[in-house]
Amino acid sequence: MTIDVVIPAHNEEMYLAKTLAALANVNQISNVIVVDDGSSDRTSDVAKLHRVKLVTLRRNQGKSAALMAGVREATSDLVLMLDADLGETAIEVTKLIDAYPFGDDACIVALFPVVPGRGGGMGLALRVARMGSRLLGGWQMTAPLSGQRLLLRSTLESIFPLPYGFGLETAMNVRLGRANVRLIEVQTQMDHRVTQNDLRGRIHRAKQLTHLVMAIIRECFH
C-alpha cells in the first residue's frame, strides 16, 4: 500500500525544512503534501525547495481545513498526518508505518516522550480529551491530542468534514471509534514545540479547552 504525507503548515518556516528533510529519508512515503494555511512568512518558499506538492490557501482557515485540502490532493491508500514542527524527529514516522496492520482498518497514533514539568500546564485539556474519546467513541487513549496519525485515506474521508479548532483530534477519535476503526498507539521519540506557562500559553490552553468541550458537545449529536 502507498502512503501520502499531509502536513498543514501555518507560519512554519523555522521548522518545516528539517521536517521535510527527515521525511525524504523514509522510503515508504510516496508523496508529501504541504498545505500552506495562509502563512505570512516564508513557509511556501521553504516547501518549494523540497520535492513536495504544495497547496496554498490564500487565508488562514485552521488546521482542519488545511488537512482536508491536503487529503483531497492525496492519491495513496494511506494518509500520514503530521505536524510541520517535528523537525529531525519526523524520521520516527517509520515506527508508525511499521506498526500498521495491513489488511485491517486501523488508526496509528504517535505517542511522544513524557517529560515531567515541560510546558507547565495542568493537563486539563488532555483529561477532557481522554474522557470524550472514551465515553463517546470507546477509545481508551494515552495521547488523544496527538496529531501524528496514519490511517486509510478512505477511512479519513468518511469522517469529513472535520470540525474547526483544537477539537479536531478528539472529534476524530469519537468518529473513528464509533466506526470500529482499530486504535494502535505507538511510542516514538518525536518532539515538537510545547506551549509554555506564560500569558500566551495560558490563553492558548483556555482556547484549546473551550474548543474541546464544544467538539465533544457537537459529537454527542453527530
N, C-alpha and C. Protein backbone atom coordinates (compact mmCIF):
# COMPACT_ATOMS: atom_id res chain seq x y z
N MET A 1 0.85 -1.19 0.00
CA MET A 1 0.00 0.00 0.00
C MET A 1 0.88 1.24 0.00
N THR A 2 0.43 2.27 -0.69
CA THR A 2 1.21 3.51 -0.79
C THR A 2 0.80 4.49 0.30
N ILE A 3 1.71 5.43 0.62
CA ILE A 3 1.49 6.37 1.71
C ILE A 3 1.76 7.79 1.25
N ASP A 4 0.80 8.68 1.47
CA ASP A 4 0.98 10.11 1.26
C ASP A 4 1.01 10.81 2.61
N VAL A 5 1.93 11.74 2.77
CA VAL A 5 2.01 12.55 3.98
C VAL A 5 1.31 13.87 3.74
N VAL A 6 0.48 14.30 4.69
CA VAL A 6 -0.18 15.60 4.61
C VAL A 6 0.27 16.44 5.80
N ILE A 7 0.83 17.61 5.52
CA ILE A 7 1.36 18.49 6.57
C ILE A 7 0.67 19.85 6.48
N PRO A 8 -0.28 20.15 7.37
CA PRO A 8 -0.82 21.52 7.46
C PRO A 8 0.25 22.42 8.07
N ALA A 9 0.47 23.58 7.49
CA ALA A 9 1.55 24.45 7.98
C ALA A 9 1.12 25.91 7.96
N HIS A 10 1.19 26.53 9.13
CA HIS A 10 0.91 27.97 9.23
C HIS A 10 2.10 28.64 9.91
N ASN A 11 2.81 29.48 9.16
CA ASN A 11 3.99 30.19 9.66
C ASN A 11 5.00 29.22 10.30
N GLU A 12 5.44 28.26 9.50
CA GLU A 12 6.34 27.22 9.99
C GLU A 12 7.71 27.24 9.31
N GLU A 13 8.14 28.41 8.82
CA GLU A 13 9.40 28.46 8.09
C GLU A 13 10.60 28.03 8.95
N MET A 14 10.50 28.17 10.27
CA MET A 14 11.62 27.85 11.15
C MET A 14 11.83 26.35 11.31
N TYR A 15 10.79 25.56 11.10
CA TYR A 15 10.85 24.13 11.38
C TYR A 15 10.63 23.25 10.17
N LEU A 16 9.93 23.75 9.18
CA LEU A 16 9.47 22.91 8.08
C LEU A 16 10.60 22.25 7.30
N ALA A 17 11.69 22.97 7.07
CA ALA A 17 12.78 22.43 6.26
C ALA A 17 13.35 21.15 6.87
N LYS A 18 13.59 21.16 8.19
CA LYS A 18 14.14 19.97 8.84
C LYS A 18 13.14 18.82 8.83
N THR A 19 11.87 19.14 8.96
CA THR A 19 10.84 18.11 8.90
C THR A 19 10.83 17.43 7.54
N LEU A 20 10.85 18.24 6.49
CA LEU A 20 10.82 17.69 5.13
C LEU A 20 12.10 16.93 4.80
N ALA A 21 13.24 17.41 5.29
CA ALA A 21 14.50 16.73 5.04
C ALA A 21 14.49 15.34 5.68
N ALA A 22 13.92 15.24 6.87
CA ALA A 22 13.83 13.94 7.55
C ALA A 22 12.93 12.99 6.78
N LEU A 23 11.80 13.48 6.30
CA LEU A 23 10.86 12.63 5.58
C LEU A 23 11.43 12.14 4.25
N ALA A 24 12.36 12.89 3.69
CA ALA A 24 12.97 12.49 2.42
C ALA A 24 13.75 11.19 2.56
N ASN A 25 14.06 10.81 3.78
CA ASN A 25 14.82 9.58 4.03
C ASN A 25 13.92 8.38 4.33
N VAL A 26 12.61 8.56 4.23
CA VAL A 26 11.67 7.47 4.51
C VAL A 26 11.19 6.89 3.18
N ASN A 27 11.67 5.71 2.85
CA ASN A 27 11.41 5.13 1.53
C ASN A 27 9.95 4.76 1.31
N GLN A 28 9.21 4.49 2.39
CA GLN A 28 7.83 4.03 2.23
C GLN A 28 6.88 5.14 1.80
N ILE A 29 7.31 6.38 1.88
CA ILE A 29 6.44 7.52 1.55
C ILE A 29 6.45 7.78 0.05
N SER A 30 5.27 7.86 -0.54
CA SER A 30 5.15 8.12 -1.99
C SER A 30 5.16 9.61 -2.29
N ASN A 31 4.37 10.37 -1.52
CA ASN A 31 4.26 11.81 -1.76
C ASN A 31 4.14 12.56 -0.44
N VAL A 32 4.66 13.78 -0.42
CA VAL A 32 4.48 14.68 0.71
C VAL A 32 3.71 15.89 0.22
N ILE A 33 2.61 16.17 0.89
CA ILE A 33 1.75 17.31 0.52
C ILE A 33 1.79 18.32 1.65
N VAL A 34 2.31 19.50 1.37
CA VAL A 34 2.36 20.59 2.35
C VAL A 34 1.25 21.58 2.03
N VAL A 35 0.42 21.88 3.02
CA VAL A 35 -0.66 22.85 2.83
C VAL A 35 -0.28 24.11 3.60
N ASP A 36 0.06 25.16 2.87
CA ASP A 36 0.37 26.44 3.49
C ASP A 36 -0.94 27.13 3.83
N ASP A 37 -1.24 27.16 5.11
CA ASP A 37 -2.53 27.67 5.58
C ASP A 37 -2.48 29.18 5.81
N GLY A 38 -2.37 29.92 4.71
CA GLY A 38 -2.40 31.37 4.78
C GLY A 38 -1.24 31.96 5.56
N SER A 39 -0.04 31.42 5.41
CA SER A 39 1.11 31.90 6.17
C SER A 39 1.52 33.30 5.74
N SER A 40 2.09 34.04 6.70
CA SER A 40 2.62 35.37 6.41
C SER A 40 4.14 35.36 6.37
N ASP A 41 4.75 34.18 6.54
CA ASP A 41 6.20 34.08 6.47
C ASP A 41 6.60 33.31 5.21
N ARG A 42 7.75 32.67 5.21
CA ARG A 42 8.28 32.01 4.02
C ARG A 42 7.97 30.51 3.99
N THR A 43 6.88 30.10 4.61
CA THR A 43 6.53 28.68 4.62
C THR A 43 6.45 28.10 3.22
N SER A 44 5.78 28.77 2.31
CA SER A 44 5.65 28.27 0.93
C SER A 44 7.01 28.20 0.24
N ASP A 45 7.85 29.20 0.46
CA ASP A 45 9.18 29.22 -0.17
C ASP A 45 10.01 28.03 0.32
N VAL A 46 9.93 27.73 1.61
CA VAL A 46 10.66 26.59 2.16
C VAL A 46 10.17 25.29 1.52
N ALA A 47 8.85 25.15 1.41
CA ALA A 47 8.29 23.93 0.81
C ALA A 47 8.75 23.76 -0.63
N LYS A 48 8.85 24.85 -1.37
CA LYS A 48 9.24 24.78 -2.78
C LYS A 48 10.67 24.31 -2.97
N LEU A 49 11.48 24.39 -1.93
CA LEU A 49 12.87 23.94 -2.02
C LEU A 49 13.00 22.43 -1.89
N HIS A 50 11.88 21.77 -1.60
CA HIS A 50 11.89 20.32 -1.42
C HIS A 50 10.94 19.68 -2.43
N ARG A 51 11.09 18.37 -2.59
CA ARG A 51 10.26 17.65 -3.57
C ARG A 51 8.93 17.30 -2.93
N VAL A 52 8.07 18.29 -2.83
CA VAL A 52 6.75 18.09 -2.24
C VAL A 52 5.70 18.73 -3.14
N LYS A 53 4.46 18.36 -2.89
CA LYS A 53 3.35 19.03 -3.55
C LYS A 53 2.86 20.11 -2.62
N LEU A 54 2.81 21.34 -3.10
CA LEU A 54 2.41 22.49 -2.28
C LEU A 54 0.99 22.91 -2.61
N VAL A 55 0.16 22.99 -1.57
CA VAL A 55 -1.19 23.52 -1.70
C VAL A 55 -1.22 24.82 -0.89
N THR A 56 -1.65 25.90 -1.50
CA THR A 56 -1.63 27.21 -0.83
C THR A 56 -3.05 27.72 -0.62
N LEU A 57 -3.38 27.98 0.64
CA LEU A 57 -4.66 28.60 0.98
C LEU A 57 -4.41 30.10 1.13
N ARG A 58 -5.22 30.90 0.50
CA ARG A 58 -4.96 32.35 0.48
C ARG A 58 -5.08 32.99 1.85
N ARG A 59 -5.96 32.44 2.68
CA ARG A 59 -6.11 32.98 4.03
C ARG A 59 -6.07 31.83 5.04
N ASN A 60 -5.73 32.17 6.26
CA ASN A 60 -5.65 31.15 7.30
C ASN A 60 -7.04 30.61 7.62
N GLN A 61 -7.22 29.30 7.44
CA GLN A 61 -8.52 28.67 7.66
C GLN A 61 -8.52 27.67 8.80
N GLY A 62 -7.35 27.43 9.40
CA GLY A 62 -7.28 26.49 10.51
C GLY A 62 -6.80 25.11 10.06
N LYS A 63 -6.33 24.34 11.03
CA LYS A 63 -5.74 23.04 10.73
C LYS A 63 -6.70 22.08 10.05
N SER A 64 -7.96 22.09 10.47
CA SER A 64 -8.93 21.16 9.88
C SER A 64 -9.10 21.39 8.38
N ALA A 65 -9.28 22.65 8.00
CA ALA A 65 -9.46 22.98 6.59
C ALA A 65 -8.20 22.67 5.80
N ALA A 66 -7.04 22.95 6.39
CA ALA A 66 -5.78 22.66 5.70
C ALA A 66 -5.59 21.16 5.53
N LEU A 67 -5.93 20.41 6.55
CA LEU A 67 -5.80 18.96 6.47
C LEU A 67 -6.71 18.39 5.39
N MET A 68 -7.96 18.83 5.36
CA MET A 68 -8.89 18.32 4.36
C MET A 68 -8.45 18.71 2.95
N ALA A 69 -7.90 19.92 2.80
CA ALA A 69 -7.40 20.34 1.49
C ALA A 69 -6.25 19.45 1.03
N GLY A 70 -5.39 19.07 1.97
CA GLY A 70 -4.29 18.18 1.62
C GLY A 70 -4.75 16.79 1.28
N VAL A 71 -5.70 16.26 2.02
CA VAL A 71 -6.20 14.92 1.77
C VAL A 71 -6.88 14.84 0.40
N ARG A 72 -7.53 15.91 0.01
CA ARG A 72 -8.17 15.93 -1.32
C ARG A 72 -7.15 15.80 -2.44
N GLU A 73 -5.90 16.17 -2.18
CA GLU A 73 -4.85 16.06 -3.18
C GLU A 73 -4.13 14.71 -3.11
N ALA A 74 -4.40 13.95 -2.08
CA ALA A 74 -3.72 12.66 -1.89
C ALA A 74 -4.28 11.61 -2.84
N THR A 75 -3.42 10.69 -3.23
CA THR A 75 -3.84 9.62 -4.14
C THR A 75 -3.48 8.23 -3.58
N SER A 76 -2.72 8.19 -2.51
CA SER A 76 -2.28 6.91 -1.96
C SER A 76 -3.35 6.24 -1.12
N ASP A 77 -3.14 4.99 -0.80
CA ASP A 77 -4.09 4.23 0.03
C ASP A 77 -4.14 4.76 1.45
N LEU A 78 -2.97 5.12 1.98
CA LEU A 78 -2.85 5.56 3.35
C LEU A 78 -2.44 7.02 3.41
N VAL A 79 -2.95 7.71 4.44
CA VAL A 79 -2.57 9.10 4.69
C VAL A 79 -1.88 9.18 6.04
N LEU A 80 -0.74 9.84 6.06
CA LEU A 80 0.00 10.08 7.29
C LEU A 80 -0.08 11.56 7.62
N MET A 81 -0.83 11.88 8.67
CA MET A 81 -0.99 13.26 9.11
C MET A 81 0.18 13.63 10.01
N LEU A 82 0.84 14.75 9.71
CA LEU A 82 1.97 15.18 10.53
C LEU A 82 1.94 16.67 10.77
N ASP A 83 2.44 17.08 11.94
CA ASP A 83 2.64 18.50 12.21
C ASP A 83 3.93 18.95 11.54
N ALA A 84 4.00 20.23 11.23
CA ALA A 84 5.14 20.77 10.49
C ALA A 84 6.37 20.96 11.34
N ASP A 85 6.22 20.98 12.66
CA ASP A 85 7.33 21.35 13.54
C ASP A 85 8.05 20.16 14.18
N LEU A 86 7.95 18.98 13.58
CA LEU A 86 8.63 17.81 14.14
C LEU A 86 10.14 17.87 13.95
N GLY A 87 10.57 18.59 12.94
CA GLY A 87 11.99 18.70 12.67
C GLY A 87 12.61 17.35 12.36
N GLU A 88 13.84 17.12 12.85
CA GLU A 88 14.56 15.89 12.58
C GLU A 88 13.85 14.65 13.12
N THR A 89 13.01 14.84 14.14
CA THR A 89 12.32 13.68 14.72
C THR A 89 11.22 13.13 13.83
N ALA A 90 10.96 13.79 12.71
CA ALA A 90 9.97 13.27 11.76
C ALA A 90 10.38 11.90 11.23
N ILE A 91 11.66 11.57 11.31
CA ILE A 91 12.13 10.26 10.86
C ILE A 91 11.46 9.13 11.65
N GLU A 92 10.92 9.45 12.82
CA GLU A 92 10.26 8.46 13.67
C GLU A 92 8.95 7.94 13.07
N VAL A 93 8.51 8.53 11.95
CA VAL A 93 7.29 8.02 11.31
C VAL A 93 7.45 6.58 10.87
N THR A 94 8.68 6.12 10.73
CA THR A 94 8.89 4.73 10.34
C THR A 94 8.28 3.77 11.36
N LYS A 95 8.23 4.19 12.62
CA LYS A 95 7.63 3.35 13.66
C LYS A 95 6.12 3.23 13.47
N LEU A 96 5.49 4.31 13.02
CA LEU A 96 4.06 4.28 12.76
C LEU A 96 3.76 3.38 11.56
N ILE A 97 4.59 3.51 10.53
CA ILE A 97 4.39 2.71 9.33
C ILE A 97 4.58 1.23 9.62
N ASP A 98 5.62 0.90 10.39
CA ASP A 98 5.90 -0.50 10.72
C ASP A 98 4.78 -1.11 11.56
N ALA A 99 4.07 -0.27 12.32
CA ALA A 99 3.01 -0.78 13.21
C ALA A 99 1.68 -0.97 12.50
N TYR A 100 1.56 -0.47 11.27
CA TYR A 100 0.25 -0.55 10.61
C TYR A 100 -0.08 -2.00 10.23
N PRO A 101 -1.24 -2.50 10.66
CA PRO A 101 -1.64 -3.88 10.34
C PRO A 101 -2.31 -3.94 8.96
N PHE A 102 -1.51 -4.05 7.93
CA PHE A 102 -2.04 -4.03 6.57
C PHE A 102 -3.08 -5.12 6.39
N GLY A 103 -4.19 -4.72 5.78
CA GLY A 103 -5.33 -5.61 5.65
C GLY A 103 -6.39 -5.33 6.69
N ASP A 104 -6.08 -4.45 7.63
CA ASP A 104 -7.02 -4.07 8.69
C ASP A 104 -7.33 -2.58 8.56
N ASP A 105 -8.43 -2.15 9.16
CA ASP A 105 -8.80 -0.73 9.18
C ASP A 105 -8.38 -0.17 10.53
N ALA A 106 -7.26 0.51 10.56
CA ALA A 106 -6.69 0.95 11.83
C ALA A 106 -6.25 2.40 11.75
N CYS A 107 -6.08 3.00 12.91
CA CYS A 107 -5.52 4.34 13.03
C CYS A 107 -4.32 4.24 13.98
N ILE A 108 -3.14 4.55 13.46
CA ILE A 108 -1.92 4.52 14.26
C ILE A 108 -1.68 5.93 14.79
N VAL A 109 -1.53 6.07 16.09
CA VAL A 109 -1.34 7.38 16.72
C VAL A 109 0.00 7.40 17.43
N ALA A 110 0.79 8.44 17.21
CA ALA A 110 2.12 8.54 17.81
C ALA A 110 2.05 9.03 19.24
N LEU A 111 2.79 8.34 20.11
CA LEU A 111 3.00 8.80 21.47
C LEU A 111 4.34 9.53 21.54
N PHE A 112 4.37 10.66 22.24
CA PHE A 112 5.59 11.42 22.43
C PHE A 112 6.18 11.08 23.80
N PRO A 113 7.48 11.23 23.97
CA PRO A 113 8.08 11.00 25.30
C PRO A 113 7.47 11.95 26.33
N VAL A 114 7.25 11.46 27.54
CA VAL A 114 6.72 12.28 28.62
C VAL A 114 7.88 12.92 29.37
N VAL A 115 7.89 14.25 29.40
CA VAL A 115 8.93 14.99 30.12
C VAL A 115 8.25 15.75 31.25
N PRO A 116 8.37 15.27 32.49
CA PRO A 116 7.68 15.91 33.62
C PRO A 116 7.98 17.39 33.73
N GLY A 117 6.90 18.19 33.87
CA GLY A 117 7.05 19.63 34.05
C GLY A 117 7.24 20.43 32.79
N ARG A 118 7.44 19.75 31.66
CA ARG A 118 7.65 20.51 30.42
C ARG A 118 6.37 21.18 29.99
N GLY A 119 6.44 22.47 29.76
CA GLY A 119 5.28 23.24 29.32
C GLY A 119 4.51 23.87 30.46
N GLY A 120 4.48 23.23 31.61
CA GLY A 120 3.88 23.85 32.79
C GLY A 120 2.38 23.81 32.88
N GLY A 121 1.71 23.08 31.97
CA GLY A 121 0.26 23.02 32.03
C GLY A 121 -0.22 22.03 33.09
N MET A 122 -1.53 22.06 33.36
CA MET A 122 -2.12 21.19 34.38
C MET A 122 -2.71 19.91 33.80
N GLY A 123 -2.73 19.81 32.47
CA GLY A 123 -3.23 18.59 31.83
C GLY A 123 -4.73 18.47 31.76
N LEU A 124 -5.46 19.58 31.99
CA LEU A 124 -6.91 19.52 31.99
C LEU A 124 -7.45 19.18 30.60
N ALA A 125 -6.88 19.82 29.58
CA ALA A 125 -7.34 19.56 28.21
C ALA A 125 -7.12 18.09 27.85
N LEU A 126 -6.00 17.54 28.27
CA LEU A 126 -5.71 16.13 27.99
C LEU A 126 -6.73 15.22 28.64
N ARG A 127 -7.08 15.52 29.88
CA ARG A 127 -8.06 14.68 30.59
C ARG A 127 -9.44 14.78 29.96
N VAL A 128 -9.82 15.98 29.54
CA VAL A 128 -11.12 16.17 28.88
C VAL A 128 -11.15 15.40 27.56
N ALA A 129 -10.06 15.48 26.80
CA ALA A 129 -10.00 14.78 25.51
C ALA A 129 -10.06 13.26 25.72
N ARG A 130 -9.38 12.77 26.74
CA ARG A 130 -9.43 11.34 27.03
C ARG A 130 -10.85 10.91 27.39
N MET A 131 -11.50 11.69 28.21
CA MET A 131 -12.85 11.36 28.64
C MET A 131 -13.81 11.33 27.45
N GLY A 132 -13.76 12.38 26.62
CA GLY A 132 -14.65 12.44 25.47
C GLY A 132 -14.40 11.30 24.49
N SER A 133 -13.12 10.99 24.26
CA SER A 133 -12.78 9.91 23.33
C SER A 133 -13.28 8.56 23.83
N ARG A 134 -13.20 8.35 25.16
CA ARG A 134 -13.62 7.07 25.74
C ARG A 134 -15.14 6.95 25.82
N LEU A 135 -15.80 7.99 26.33
CA LEU A 135 -17.25 7.91 26.54
C LEU A 135 -18.04 7.91 25.24
N LEU A 136 -17.58 8.68 24.26
CA LEU A 136 -18.35 8.80 23.02
C LEU A 136 -17.87 7.87 21.91
N GLY A 137 -16.57 7.55 21.92
CA GLY A 137 -16.04 6.72 20.84
C GLY A 137 -15.54 5.36 21.26
N GLY A 138 -15.37 5.18 22.56
CA GLY A 138 -14.89 3.89 23.04
C GLY A 138 -13.39 3.70 22.96
N TRP A 139 -12.67 4.75 22.60
CA TRP A 139 -11.21 4.66 22.52
C TRP A 139 -10.59 5.08 23.85
N GLN A 140 -9.90 4.15 24.50
CA GLN A 140 -9.15 4.43 25.72
C GLN A 140 -7.74 4.84 25.28
N MET A 141 -7.42 6.15 25.40
CA MET A 141 -6.21 6.67 24.78
C MET A 141 -5.24 7.28 25.77
N THR A 142 -3.97 7.13 25.45
CA THR A 142 -2.93 7.83 26.19
C THR A 142 -2.73 9.23 25.63
N ALA A 143 -2.77 9.35 24.29
CA ALA A 143 -2.49 10.63 23.64
C ALA A 143 -3.61 11.03 22.69
N PRO A 144 -4.77 11.42 23.22
CA PRO A 144 -5.91 11.76 22.36
C PRO A 144 -5.71 13.03 21.54
N LEU A 145 -4.72 13.85 21.91
CA LEU A 145 -4.50 15.11 21.21
C LEU A 145 -3.37 15.02 20.18
N SER A 146 -2.76 13.85 20.05
CA SER A 146 -1.66 13.70 19.10
C SER A 146 -2.17 13.87 17.67
N GLY A 147 -1.47 14.70 16.90
CA GLY A 147 -1.85 14.94 15.51
C GLY A 147 -1.10 14.08 14.52
N GLN A 148 -0.23 13.19 15.02
CA GLN A 148 0.57 12.34 14.14
C GLN A 148 -0.16 11.01 13.99
N ARG A 149 -0.80 10.82 12.84
CA ARG A 149 -1.69 9.67 12.66
C ARG A 149 -1.57 9.08 11.26
N LEU A 150 -1.66 7.76 11.20
CA LEU A 150 -1.62 7.03 9.93
C LEU A 150 -2.88 6.20 9.81
N LEU A 151 -3.62 6.39 8.72
CA LEU A 151 -4.85 5.63 8.51
C LEU A 151 -5.21 5.61 7.04
N LEU A 152 -6.15 4.76 6.70
CA LEU A 152 -6.61 4.67 5.32
C LEU A 152 -7.21 6.00 4.88
N ARG A 153 -6.88 6.40 3.65
CA ARG A 153 -7.45 7.65 3.13
C ARG A 153 -8.96 7.56 3.06
N SER A 154 -9.48 6.44 2.66
CA SER A 154 -10.94 6.28 2.55
C SER A 154 -11.60 6.40 3.92
N THR A 155 -10.95 5.88 4.95
CA THR A 155 -11.49 5.98 6.31
C THR A 155 -11.49 7.42 6.78
N LEU A 156 -10.39 8.13 6.52
CA LEU A 156 -10.31 9.52 6.93
C LEU A 156 -11.36 10.36 6.21
N GLU A 157 -11.53 10.13 4.91
CA GLU A 157 -12.52 10.89 4.14
C GLU A 157 -13.94 10.60 4.61
N SER A 158 -14.16 9.42 5.16
CA SER A 158 -15.51 9.05 5.59
C SER A 158 -15.99 9.85 6.80
N ILE A 159 -15.06 10.49 7.53
CA ILE A 159 -15.46 11.28 8.71
C ILE A 159 -15.40 12.79 8.43
N PHE A 160 -15.21 13.15 7.16
CA PHE A 160 -15.26 14.57 6.78
C PHE A 160 -16.70 15.05 6.82
N PRO A 161 -16.98 16.35 7.03
CA PRO A 161 -16.00 17.39 7.30
C PRO A 161 -15.52 17.37 8.75
N LEU A 162 -14.28 17.75 8.95
CA LEU A 162 -13.70 17.81 10.29
C LEU A 162 -13.99 19.16 10.92
N PRO A 163 -14.18 19.20 12.24
CA PRO A 163 -14.54 20.45 12.89
C PRO A 163 -13.37 21.42 13.00
N TYR A 164 -13.67 22.69 13.01
CA TYR A 164 -12.66 23.73 13.16
C TYR A 164 -12.13 23.75 14.59
N GLY A 165 -10.85 24.08 14.72
CA GLY A 165 -10.30 24.35 16.04
C GLY A 165 -9.57 23.19 16.68
N PHE A 166 -9.27 23.35 17.97
CA PHE A 166 -8.45 22.39 18.70
C PHE A 166 -9.20 21.11 19.07
N GLY A 167 -10.47 21.03 18.73
CA GLY A 167 -11.23 19.80 18.98
C GLY A 167 -11.10 18.80 17.85
N LEU A 168 -10.27 19.10 16.87
CA LEU A 168 -10.13 18.25 15.68
C LEU A 168 -9.82 16.80 16.04
N GLU A 169 -8.75 16.58 16.79
CA GLU A 169 -8.32 15.21 17.07
C GLU A 169 -9.33 14.45 17.92
N THR A 170 -9.94 15.15 18.89
CA THR A 170 -10.92 14.48 19.74
C THR A 170 -12.15 14.07 18.93
N ALA A 171 -12.60 14.93 18.03
CA ALA A 171 -13.72 14.58 17.16
C ALA A 171 -13.36 13.38 16.28
N MET A 172 -12.13 13.35 15.79
CA MET A 172 -11.68 12.21 15.00
C MET A 172 -11.72 10.93 15.83
N ASN A 173 -11.26 11.02 17.08
CA ASN A 173 -11.26 9.84 17.96
C ASN A 173 -12.66 9.28 18.12
N VAL A 174 -13.61 10.17 18.34
CA VAL A 174 -15.00 9.75 18.55
C VAL A 174 -15.56 9.10 17.28
N ARG A 175 -15.37 9.74 16.15
CA ARG A 175 -15.95 9.25 14.91
C ARG A 175 -15.31 7.93 14.47
N LEU A 176 -13.99 7.84 14.61
CA LEU A 176 -13.32 6.61 14.22
C LEU A 176 -13.65 5.47 15.18
N GLY A 177 -13.76 5.79 16.46
CA GLY A 177 -14.13 4.78 17.43
C GLY A 177 -15.52 4.24 17.16
N ARG A 178 -16.46 5.11 16.85
CA ARG A 178 -17.82 4.69 16.54
C ARG A 178 -17.86 3.83 15.28
N ALA A 179 -16.90 4.07 14.37
CA ALA A 179 -16.85 3.30 13.12
C ALA A 179 -16.08 1.99 13.29
N ASN A 180 -15.71 1.68 14.54
CA ASN A 180 -14.99 0.43 14.86
C ASN A 180 -13.62 0.34 14.20
N VAL A 181 -13.00 1.50 13.99
CA VAL A 181 -11.63 1.51 13.50
C VAL A 181 -10.71 1.14 14.66
N ARG A 182 -9.76 0.30 14.39
CA ARG A 182 -8.84 -0.19 15.42
C ARG A 182 -7.83 0.90 15.80
N LEU A 183 -7.67 1.15 17.08
CA LEU A 183 -6.71 2.13 17.58
C LEU A 183 -5.41 1.43 17.98
N ILE A 184 -4.28 1.96 17.49
CA ILE A 184 -2.97 1.49 17.90
C ILE A 184 -2.10 2.70 18.22
N GLU A 185 -1.71 2.84 19.47
CA GLU A 185 -0.81 3.93 19.86
C GLU A 185 0.62 3.38 19.90
N VAL A 186 1.54 4.12 19.33
CA VAL A 186 2.92 3.67 19.18
C VAL A 186 3.86 4.68 19.83
N GLN A 187 4.73 4.19 20.70
CA GLN A 187 5.70 5.06 21.34
C GLN A 187 6.78 5.49 20.34
N THR A 188 7.05 6.78 20.29
CA THR A 188 8.09 7.31 19.41
C THR A 188 8.97 8.27 20.21
N GLN A 189 9.97 8.78 19.55
CA GLN A 189 10.83 9.82 20.13
C GLN A 189 10.59 11.15 19.42
N MET A 190 9.39 11.31 18.89
CA MET A 190 9.04 12.57 18.22
C MET A 190 9.04 13.72 19.23
N ASP A 191 9.30 14.92 18.70
CA ASP A 191 9.29 16.10 19.55
C ASP A 191 8.85 17.29 18.71
N HIS A 192 8.20 18.25 19.36
CA HIS A 192 7.85 19.50 18.69
C HIS A 192 7.66 20.59 19.74
N ARG A 193 7.25 21.76 19.29
CA ARG A 193 7.09 22.88 20.21
C ARG A 193 6.07 22.55 21.29
N VAL A 194 6.33 23.05 22.48
CA VAL A 194 5.41 22.86 23.60
C VAL A 194 4.96 24.23 24.09
N THR A 195 3.64 24.36 24.31
CA THR A 195 3.11 25.62 24.81
C THR A 195 3.60 25.87 26.23
N GLN A 196 4.17 27.04 26.45
CA GLN A 196 4.75 27.36 27.75
C GLN A 196 3.70 27.92 28.72
N ASN A 197 4.09 28.04 29.98
CA ASN A 197 3.17 28.50 31.01
C ASN A 197 3.29 30.01 31.21
N ASP A 198 3.26 30.75 30.13
CA ASP A 198 3.23 32.21 30.19
C ASP A 198 1.83 32.68 29.80
N LEU A 199 1.64 34.00 29.71
CA LEU A 199 0.31 34.52 29.40
C LEU A 199 -0.20 33.99 28.07
N ARG A 200 0.66 33.99 27.08
CA ARG A 200 0.26 33.49 25.77
C ARG A 200 -0.13 32.02 25.84
N GLY A 201 0.65 31.25 26.61
CA GLY A 201 0.37 29.84 26.75
C GLY A 201 -0.94 29.59 27.47
N ARG A 202 -1.23 30.39 28.49
CA ARG A 202 -2.49 30.22 29.22
C ARG A 202 -3.69 30.55 28.36
N ILE A 203 -3.55 31.57 27.54
CA ILE A 203 -4.64 31.92 26.61
C ILE A 203 -4.85 30.78 25.62
N HIS A 204 -3.75 30.23 25.14
CA HIS A 204 -3.83 29.10 24.19
C HIS A 204 -4.56 27.92 24.83
N ARG A 205 -4.21 27.59 26.07
CA ARG A 205 -4.83 26.45 26.75
C ARG A 205 -6.31 26.67 27.01
N ALA A 206 -6.66 27.92 27.36
CA ALA A 206 -8.07 28.23 27.59
C ALA A 206 -8.87 28.06 26.30
N LYS A 207 -8.29 28.52 25.20
CA LYS A 207 -8.95 28.38 23.90
C LYS A 207 -9.06 26.92 23.51
N GLN A 208 -7.99 26.16 23.75
CA GLN A 208 -7.99 24.74 23.44
C GLN A 208 -9.07 24.01 24.22
N LEU A 209 -9.17 24.31 25.51
CA LEU A 209 -10.16 23.64 26.34
C LEU A 209 -11.57 23.97 25.88
N THR A 210 -11.82 25.23 25.53
CA THR A 210 -13.13 25.64 25.03
C THR A 210 -13.49 24.87 23.76
N HIS A 211 -12.53 24.77 22.84
CA HIS A 211 -12.77 24.05 21.59
C HIS A 211 -13.04 22.57 21.84
N LEU A 212 -12.32 22.00 22.81
CA LEU A 212 -12.51 20.59 23.13
C LEU A 212 -13.92 20.32 23.65
N VAL A 213 -14.35 21.16 24.57
CA VAL A 213 -15.69 20.99 25.14
C VAL A 213 -16.75 21.14 24.05
N MET A 214 -16.58 22.14 23.20
CA MET A 214 -17.54 22.35 22.11
C MET A 214 -17.55 21.17 21.15
N ALA A 215 -16.37 20.62 20.85
CA ALA A 215 -16.30 19.47 19.95
C ALA A 215 -17.00 18.26 20.54
N ILE A 216 -16.80 18.04 21.83
CA ILE A 216 -17.43 16.89 22.49
C ILE A 216 -18.96 17.05 22.50
N ILE A 217 -19.42 18.26 22.76
CA ILE A 217 -20.87 18.51 22.74
C ILE A 217 -21.43 18.26 21.35
N ARG A 218 -20.74 18.74 20.32
CA ARG A 218 -21.20 18.54 18.95
C ARG A 218 -21.26 17.05 18.61
N GLU A 219 -20.24 16.31 19.06
CA GLU A 219 -20.20 14.88 18.72
C GLU A 219 -21.30 14.09 19.41
N CYS A 220 -21.84 14.64 20.49
CA CYS A 220 -22.96 13.98 21.17
C CYS A 220 -24.17 13.92 20.25
N PHE A 221 -24.26 14.87 19.32
CA PHE A 221 -25.42 14.95 18.42
C PHE A 221 -25.04 14.64 16.98
N HIS A 222 -23.81 14.16 16.76
CA HIS A 222 -23.35 13.88 15.40
C HIS A 222 -23.98 12.60 14.87
